[in-house]
Amino acid sequence: MTVYDNLAFPLQCRRWDKARTDAKVRQVAEALGLHDRLINPLAGSPPTTIS
């Protein structure tokens, strides 16, 4: 999942159209200082195994 996907998810659940979602995600990313990281995947932990 990317930063963009993470910010866009709630708006997509509300069935916002793609153009409006894109504009809002970019506006929020700019306000949070994340505009340069929109396409980078979020860091995740490696899967754990339970034996």
C-alpha atoms as a PDB file:
ATOM      1  CA  MET A   1       0.000   0.000   0.000  1.00  0.00           C
ATOM      2  CA  THR A   2       1.289   3.434  -0.857  1.00  0.00           C
ATOM      3  CA  VAL A   3       0.838   6.717   0.975  1.00  0.00           C
ATOM      4  CA  TYR A   4      -1.584   7.763  -1.788  1.00  0.00           C
ATOM      5  CA  ASP A   5      -3.665   4.592  -1.342  1.00  0.00           C
ATOM      6  CA  ASN A   6      -3.747   5.068   2.406  1.00  0.00           C
ATOM      7  CA  LEU A   7      -4.984   8.657   2.136  1.00  0.00           C
ATOM      8  CA  ALA A   8      -7.459   7.877  -0.663  1.00  0.00           C
ATOM      9  CA  PHE A   9      -9.106   4.833   0.939  1.00  0.00           C
ATOM     10  CA  PRO A  10     -11.673   6.653   3.139  1.00  0.00           C
ATOM     11  CA  LEU A  11     -12.674   8.875   0.236  1.00  0.00           C
ATOM     12  CA  GLN A  12     -13.112   5.882  -2.071  1.00  0.00           C
ATOM     13  CA  CYS A  13     -15.315   4.245   0.568  1.00  0.00           C
ATOM     14  CA  ARG A  14     -17.508   7.331   0.429  1.00  0.00           C
ATOM     15  CA  ARG A  15     -17.671   6.870  -3.358  1.00  0.00           C
ATOM     16  CA  TRP A  16     -15.967  10.132  -4.251  1.00  0.00           C
ATOM     17  CA  ASP A  17     -15.167  10.396  -7.940  1.00  0.00           C
ATOM     18  CA  LYS A  18     -11.549   9.863  -8.967  1.00  0.00           C
ATOM     19  CA  ALA A  19     -10.772  13.501  -9.813  1.00  0.00           C
ATOM     20  CA  ARG A  20     -12.132  14.813  -6.528  1.00  0.00           C
ATOM     21  CA  THR A  21     -10.309  12.100  -4.563  1.00  0.00           C
ATOM     22  CA  ASP A  22      -7.041  12.852  -6.342  1.00  0.00           C
ATOM     23  CA  ALA A  23      -7.336  16.574  -5.662  1.00  0.00           C
ATOM     24  CA  LYS A  24      -8.103  16.042  -1.970  1.00  0.00           C
ATOM     25  CA  VAL A  25      -5.304  13.490  -1.481  1.00  0.00           C
ATOM     26  CA  ARG A  26      -2.772  15.847  -3.054  1.00  0.00           C
ATOM     27  CA  GLN A  27      -4.052  18.759  -0.925  1.00  0.00           C
ATOM     28  CA  VAL A  28      -3.757  16.747   2.298  1.00  0.00           C
ATOM     29  CA  ALA A  29      -0.345  15.347   1.320  1.00  0.00           C
ATOM     30  CA  GLU A  30       0.920  18.876   0.693  1.00  0.00           C
ATOM     31  CA  ALA A  31      -0.388  20.057   4.074  1.00  0.00           C
ATOM     32  CA  LEU A  32       1.288  17.126   5.843  1.00  0.00           C
ATOM     33  CA  GLY A  33       4.531  17.422   3.901  1.00  0.00           C
ATOM     34  CA  LEU A  34       4.064  14.040   2.235  1.00  0.00           C
ATOM     35  CA  HIS A  35       3.699  15.231  -1.356  1.00  0.00           C
ATOM     36  CA  ASP A  36       7.089  13.799  -2.332  1.00  0.00           C
ATOM     37  CA  ARG A  37       6.256  10.366  -0.866  1.00  0.00           C
ATOM     38  CA  LEU A  38       2.839   9.693  -2.423  1.00  0.00           C
ATOM     39  CA  ILE A  39       3.976   6.782  -4.585  1.00  0.00           C
ATOM     40  CA  ASN A  40       6.360   5.154  -2.098  1.00  0.00           C
ATOM     41  CA  PRO A  41       5.109   2.015  -0.386  1.00  0.00           C
ATOM     42  CA  LEU A  42       4.558   2.201   3.337  1.00  0.00           C
ATOM     43  CA  ALA A  43       7.030   0.265   5.448  1.00  0.00           C
ATOM     44  CA  GLY A  44       5.731  -2.981   6.804  1.00  0.00           C
ATOM     45  CA  SER A  45       7.032  -5.571   9.150  1.00  0.00           C
ATOM     46  CA  PRO A  46       8.066  -8.974   7.849  1.00  0.00           C
ATOM     47  CA  PRO A  47       5.517 -11.734   8.327  1.00  0.00           C
ATOM     48  CA  THR A  48       5.838 -13.636  11.563  1.00  0.00           C
ATOM     49  CA  THR A  49       5.576 -17.378  11.853  1.00  0.00           C
ATOM     50  CA  ILE A  50       4.035 -19.109  14.797  1.00  0.00           C
ATOM     51  CA  SER A  51       5.020 -22.687  15.436  1.00  0.00           C
END
